[in-house]
Amino acid sequence: MKEKPNFDSCPRRQEQIIVQKGSQEVLLFNMEDGSYYALNEVGNRIWELCDGTHGMAEMVCMLAKEYDAPAEMIKADILEVLEDLRTKNLVVECGGDRLNGDGSGLAQRFA
């Protein structure tokens, strides 16, 4: 059974991924297992937003506005792409705490 997506989570790209932009698509190369994954324009935009700071609801709003498309259609596309990226170990889920737990969006590396 598939897990229900957590709309409070913030997908983050895995570090071991090499990105190569082509003329019509973007190729992702996973250095851990040697697999390749191709993204179209919308898939690439979703990939760009997987930085650990954008929640899924925020992605839906942003992309619906950028592509002038219905939010429900964008939501379905995002869910499909993120499921593929998760399955292929290209992204991981961060909590909805925006990295540091206080909502400021800044990682506290030095105390």
N, C-alpha and C. Protein backbone atom coordinates (compact mmCIF):
# COMPACT_ATOMS: atom_id res chain seq x y z
N MET A 1 0.84 -1.18 0.00
CA MET A 1 0.00 0.00 0.00
C MET A 1 0.89 1.25 0.00
N LYS A 2 0.53 2.21 -0.85
CA LYS A 2 1.31 3.44 -0.94
C LYS A 2 1.06 4.31 0.27
N GLU A 3 2.14 4.98 0.71
CA GLU A 3 2.02 5.93 1.80
C GLU A 3 1.34 7.18 1.30
N LYS A 4 0.47 7.77 2.12
CA LYS A 4 -0.14 9.05 1.77
C LYS A 4 0.92 10.13 1.85
N PRO A 5 0.96 11.04 0.88
CA PRO A 5 1.96 12.11 0.93
C PRO A 5 1.73 13.04 2.10
N ASN A 6 2.81 13.52 2.66
CA ASN A 6 2.75 14.45 3.76
C ASN A 6 2.93 15.86 3.19
N PHE A 7 1.85 16.65 3.20
CA PHE A 7 1.91 17.98 2.61
C PHE A 7 2.68 18.97 3.46
N ASP A 8 3.06 18.58 4.67
CA ASP A 8 3.89 19.44 5.52
C ASP A 8 5.37 19.19 5.28
N SER A 9 5.69 18.11 4.58
CA SER A 9 7.09 17.79 4.36
C SER A 9 7.67 18.68 3.26
N CYS A 10 8.98 18.76 3.26
CA CYS A 10 9.70 19.57 2.27
C CYS A 10 10.72 18.67 1.58
N PRO A 11 10.42 18.20 0.38
CA PRO A 11 11.36 17.31 -0.32
C PRO A 11 12.71 17.99 -0.54
N ARG A 12 13.78 17.18 -0.40
CA ARG A 12 15.14 17.69 -0.59
C ARG A 12 15.89 16.74 -1.51
N ARG A 13 16.63 17.32 -2.47
CA ARG A 13 17.43 16.53 -3.40
C ARG A 13 18.52 15.79 -2.64
N GLN A 14 18.80 14.56 -3.06
CA GLN A 14 19.91 13.82 -2.49
C GLN A 14 21.22 14.43 -3.00
N GLU A 15 22.26 14.34 -2.20
CA GLU A 15 23.54 14.97 -2.54
C GLU A 15 24.31 14.24 -3.64
N GLN A 16 24.09 12.93 -3.79
CA GLN A 16 24.88 12.14 -4.72
C GLN A 16 24.38 12.21 -6.17
N ILE A 17 23.55 13.19 -6.49
CA ILE A 17 22.94 13.30 -7.81
C ILE A 17 23.68 14.33 -8.66
N ILE A 18 24.05 13.91 -9.87
CA ILE A 18 24.65 14.83 -10.85
C ILE A 18 23.56 15.21 -11.84
N VAL A 19 23.45 16.50 -12.14
CA VAL A 19 22.42 17.01 -13.04
C VAL A 19 23.08 17.47 -14.34
N GLN A 20 22.53 17.01 -15.47
CA GLN A 20 23.01 17.43 -16.78
C GLN A 20 21.82 17.97 -17.57
N LYS A 21 21.88 19.25 -17.93
CA LYS A 21 20.78 19.86 -18.69
C LYS A 21 21.01 19.67 -20.18
N GLY A 22 19.98 19.15 -20.85
CA GLY A 22 20.01 18.98 -22.30
C GLY A 22 19.13 20.03 -22.95
N SER A 23 18.90 19.89 -24.25
CA SER A 23 18.10 20.88 -24.96
C SER A 23 16.62 20.78 -24.63
N GLN A 24 16.12 19.56 -24.36
CA GLN A 24 14.70 19.40 -24.08
C GLN A 24 14.40 18.73 -22.75
N GLU A 25 15.40 18.18 -22.11
CA GLU A 25 15.17 17.53 -20.83
C GLU A 25 16.40 17.63 -19.94
N VAL A 26 16.20 17.28 -18.69
CA VAL A 26 17.28 17.29 -17.71
C VAL A 26 17.52 15.85 -17.29
N LEU A 27 18.78 15.44 -17.27
CA LEU A 27 19.13 14.09 -16.85
C LEU A 27 19.70 14.13 -15.44
N LEU A 28 19.23 13.23 -14.60
CA LEU A 28 19.74 13.07 -13.25
C LEU A 28 20.50 11.76 -13.21
N PHE A 29 21.72 11.81 -12.70
CA PHE A 29 22.55 10.61 -12.59
C PHE A 29 22.80 10.36 -11.11
N ASN A 30 22.38 9.19 -10.65
CA ASN A 30 22.58 8.81 -9.25
C ASN A 30 23.91 8.09 -9.14
N MET A 31 24.89 8.73 -8.49
CA MET A 31 26.23 8.15 -8.38
C MET A 31 26.26 6.91 -7.50
N GLU A 32 25.28 6.74 -6.62
CA GLU A 32 25.26 5.56 -5.74
C GLU A 32 24.99 4.28 -6.49
N ASP A 33 24.04 4.31 -7.42
CA ASP A 33 23.68 3.07 -8.10
C ASP A 33 23.86 3.12 -9.61
N GLY A 34 24.30 4.27 -10.14
CA GLY A 34 24.57 4.38 -11.57
C GLY A 34 23.34 4.57 -12.43
N SER A 35 22.18 4.81 -11.83
CA SER A 35 20.95 4.95 -12.61
C SER A 35 20.79 6.38 -13.14
N TYR A 36 20.07 6.48 -14.25
CA TYR A 36 19.74 7.76 -14.88
C TYR A 36 18.24 7.98 -14.79
N TYR A 37 17.84 9.25 -14.75
CA TYR A 37 16.43 9.59 -14.73
C TYR A 37 16.27 10.88 -15.52
N ALA A 38 15.32 10.92 -16.46
CA ALA A 38 15.10 12.10 -17.30
C ALA A 38 13.86 12.86 -16.83
N LEU A 39 13.97 14.20 -16.84
CA LEU A 39 12.87 15.08 -16.45
C LEU A 39 12.53 16.02 -17.59
N ASN A 40 11.23 16.24 -17.80
CA ASN A 40 10.82 17.26 -18.76
C ASN A 40 10.87 18.63 -18.07
N GLU A 41 10.36 19.65 -18.72
CA GLU A 41 10.44 21.02 -18.18
C GLU A 41 9.76 21.14 -16.82
N VAL A 42 8.54 20.61 -16.70
CA VAL A 42 7.81 20.72 -15.44
C VAL A 42 8.49 19.87 -14.37
N GLY A 43 8.92 18.67 -14.73
CA GLY A 43 9.63 17.82 -13.79
C GLY A 43 10.90 18.48 -13.28
N ASN A 44 11.61 19.16 -14.17
CA ASN A 44 12.82 19.87 -13.76
C ASN A 44 12.49 21.00 -12.80
N ARG A 45 11.39 21.70 -13.03
CA ARG A 45 11.01 22.79 -12.12
C ARG A 45 10.68 22.24 -10.74
N ILE A 46 10.01 21.09 -10.70
CA ILE A 46 9.73 20.44 -9.42
C ILE A 46 11.04 20.05 -8.75
N TRP A 47 11.98 19.49 -9.51
CA TRP A 47 13.31 19.12 -9.00
C TRP A 47 14.00 20.33 -8.39
N GLU A 48 13.96 21.47 -9.08
CA GLU A 48 14.59 22.70 -8.58
C GLU A 48 14.00 23.12 -7.23
N LEU A 49 12.71 22.90 -7.05
CA LEU A 49 12.05 23.30 -5.81
C LEU A 49 12.28 22.32 -4.66
N CYS A 50 12.87 21.18 -4.97
CA CYS A 50 13.16 20.18 -3.92
C CYS A 50 14.47 20.55 -3.21
N ASP A 51 14.42 21.64 -2.47
CA ASP A 51 15.61 22.13 -1.78
C ASP A 51 15.49 22.03 -0.26
N GLY A 52 14.43 21.36 0.20
CA GLY A 52 14.24 21.20 1.63
C GLY A 52 13.55 22.37 2.30
N THR A 53 13.20 23.41 1.54
CA THR A 53 12.53 24.57 2.12
C THR A 53 11.13 24.80 1.57
N HIS A 54 10.78 24.14 0.46
CA HIS A 54 9.46 24.32 -0.15
C HIS A 54 8.58 23.12 0.16
N GLY A 55 7.44 23.38 0.80
CA GLY A 55 6.47 22.33 1.04
C GLY A 55 5.67 22.06 -0.22
N MET A 56 4.98 20.93 -0.23
CA MET A 56 4.24 20.54 -1.41
C MET A 56 3.12 21.52 -1.73
N ALA A 57 2.43 22.03 -0.73
CA ALA A 57 1.36 23.00 -0.98
C ALA A 57 1.92 24.27 -1.61
N GLU A 58 3.08 24.69 -1.14
CA GLU A 58 3.74 25.88 -1.71
C GLU A 58 4.14 25.62 -3.16
N MET A 59 4.65 24.42 -3.44
CA MET A 59 5.01 24.06 -4.82
C MET A 59 3.79 24.14 -5.73
N VAL A 60 2.66 23.61 -5.26
CA VAL A 60 1.44 23.64 -6.07
C VAL A 60 1.06 25.07 -6.41
N CYS A 61 1.06 25.96 -5.44
CA CYS A 61 0.71 27.36 -5.68
C CYS A 61 1.67 28.02 -6.66
N MET A 62 2.96 27.80 -6.45
CA MET A 62 3.96 28.42 -7.31
C MET A 62 3.83 27.95 -8.76
N LEU A 63 3.73 26.64 -8.94
CA LEU A 63 3.69 26.10 -10.31
C LEU A 63 2.37 26.38 -11.00
N ALA A 64 1.26 26.41 -10.26
CA ALA A 64 -0.02 26.75 -10.86
C ALA A 64 0.03 28.17 -11.42
N LYS A 65 0.69 29.06 -10.69
CA LYS A 65 0.83 30.44 -11.16
C LYS A 65 1.81 30.52 -12.34
N GLU A 66 2.97 29.85 -12.22
CA GLU A 66 3.99 29.90 -13.28
C GLU A 66 3.48 29.33 -14.60
N TYR A 67 2.72 28.24 -14.54
CA TYR A 67 2.27 27.58 -15.76
C TYR A 67 0.82 27.90 -16.11
N ASP A 68 0.19 28.78 -15.32
CA ASP A 68 -1.19 29.18 -15.56
C ASP A 68 -2.07 27.94 -15.78
N ALA A 69 -1.99 27.03 -14.81
CA ALA A 69 -2.71 25.75 -14.90
C ALA A 69 -3.52 25.54 -13.61
N PRO A 70 -4.56 24.72 -13.68
CA PRO A 70 -5.36 24.45 -12.48
C PRO A 70 -4.53 23.77 -11.39
N ALA A 71 -4.75 24.18 -10.16
CA ALA A 71 -3.98 23.66 -9.03
C ALA A 71 -4.13 22.15 -8.89
N GLU A 72 -5.30 21.61 -9.16
CA GLU A 72 -5.51 20.16 -9.03
C GLU A 72 -4.64 19.39 -10.03
N MET A 73 -4.50 19.91 -11.24
CA MET A 73 -3.66 19.26 -12.25
C MET A 73 -2.19 19.33 -11.83
N ILE A 74 -1.77 20.49 -11.36
CA ILE A 74 -0.39 20.66 -10.90
C ILE A 74 -0.11 19.75 -9.72
N LYS A 75 -1.04 19.67 -8.79
CA LYS A 75 -0.88 18.81 -7.62
C LYS A 75 -0.67 17.36 -8.04
N ALA A 76 -1.47 16.89 -8.99
CA ALA A 76 -1.34 15.51 -9.48
C ALA A 76 0.04 15.30 -10.11
N ASP A 77 0.51 16.26 -10.90
CA ASP A 77 1.83 16.16 -11.52
C ASP A 77 2.93 16.12 -10.47
N ILE A 78 2.84 16.99 -9.48
CA ILE A 78 3.85 17.04 -8.42
C ILE A 78 3.89 15.72 -7.65
N LEU A 79 2.72 15.21 -7.29
CA LEU A 79 2.67 13.94 -6.56
C LEU A 79 3.30 12.81 -7.37
N GLU A 80 3.02 12.77 -8.66
CA GLU A 80 3.57 11.72 -9.52
C GLU A 80 5.10 11.84 -9.62
N VAL A 81 5.59 13.04 -9.88
CA VAL A 81 7.04 13.24 -10.01
C VAL A 81 7.74 12.95 -8.69
N LEU A 82 7.21 13.46 -7.58
CA LEU A 82 7.86 13.22 -6.29
C LEU A 82 7.86 11.74 -5.91
N GLU A 83 6.80 11.03 -6.24
CA GLU A 83 6.77 9.59 -5.98
C GLU A 83 7.87 8.88 -6.76
N ASP A 84 8.03 9.24 -8.04
CA ASP A 84 9.10 8.67 -8.86
C ASP A 84 10.47 9.01 -8.29
N LEU A 85 10.66 10.27 -7.91
CA LEU A 85 11.96 10.70 -7.38
C LEU A 85 12.27 9.99 -6.06
N ARG A 86 11.27 9.83 -5.21
CA ARG A 86 11.47 9.11 -3.94
C ARG A 86 11.81 7.65 -4.20
N THR A 87 11.06 7.01 -5.08
CA THR A 87 11.27 5.59 -5.40
C THR A 87 12.68 5.35 -5.92
N LYS A 88 13.20 6.29 -6.68
CA LYS A 88 14.54 6.15 -7.26
C LYS A 88 15.63 6.72 -6.35
N ASN A 89 15.25 7.08 -5.12
CA ASN A 89 16.19 7.60 -4.12
C ASN A 89 16.90 8.88 -4.59
N LEU A 90 16.15 9.74 -5.28
CA LEU A 90 16.70 11.01 -5.75
C LEU A 90 16.35 12.16 -4.82
N VAL A 91 15.26 12.00 -4.05
CA VAL A 91 14.88 13.00 -3.05
C VAL A 91 14.54 12.29 -1.75
N VAL A 92 14.65 13.03 -0.66
CA VAL A 92 14.22 12.57 0.66
C VAL A 92 13.28 13.62 1.23
N GLU A 93 12.50 13.21 2.20
CA GLU A 93 11.58 14.13 2.84
C GLU A 93 12.22 14.76 4.07
N CYS A 94 12.14 16.07 4.14
CA CYS A 94 12.53 16.79 5.36
C CYS A 94 11.23 17.09 6.08
N GLY A 95 11.31 17.30 7.38
CA GLY A 95 10.11 17.67 8.13
C GLY A 95 9.61 19.03 7.70
N GLY A 96 8.42 19.37 8.12
CA GLY A 96 7.84 20.65 7.76
C GLY A 96 8.38 21.79 8.60
N ASP A 97 9.48 21.55 9.33
CA ASP A 97 10.01 22.58 10.22
C ASP A 97 10.93 23.56 9.52
N ARG A 98 11.06 23.46 8.21
CA ARG A 98 11.89 24.38 7.43
C ARG A 98 13.34 24.38 7.90
N LEU A 99 13.87 23.26 8.20
CA LEU A 99 15.26 22.99 8.50
C LEU A 99 15.68 23.16 9.95
N ASN A 100 15.19 24.16 10.67
CA ASN A 100 15.75 24.37 12.00
C ASN A 100 14.74 24.32 13.13
N GLY A 101 13.48 24.07 12.84
CA GLY A 101 12.51 23.89 13.90
C GLY A 101 11.85 25.16 14.41
N ASP A 102 12.32 26.34 14.02
CA ASP A 102 11.67 27.54 14.53
C ASP A 102 10.94 28.32 13.43
N GLY A 103 10.88 27.75 12.24
CA GLY A 103 10.14 28.37 11.16
C GLY A 103 10.88 29.48 10.45
N SER A 104 12.11 29.76 10.80
CA SER A 104 12.82 30.86 10.17
C SER A 104 13.43 30.46 8.82
N GLY A 105 13.55 29.16 8.54
CA GLY A 105 14.09 28.72 7.27
C GLY A 105 15.61 28.72 7.24
N LEU A 106 16.25 28.99 8.33
CA LEU A 106 17.71 29.02 8.37
C LEU A 106 18.22 27.83 9.16
N ALA A 107 19.22 27.15 8.61
CA ALA A 107 19.83 26.05 9.35
C ALA A 107 20.82 26.62 10.36
N GLN A 108 20.74 26.14 11.56
CA GLN A 108 21.68 26.59 12.59
C GLN A 108 22.85 25.61 12.65
N ARG A 109 23.94 25.95 12.01
CA ARG A 109 25.11 25.08 11.96
C ARG A 109 26.13 25.41 13.04
N PHE A 110 26.15 26.65 13.46
CA PHE A 110 27.14 27.07 14.45
C PHE A 110 26.41 27.61 15.68
N ALA A 111 26.72 27.05 16.80
CA ALA A 111 26.05 27.51 18.04
C ALA A 111 27.04 28.18 18.95
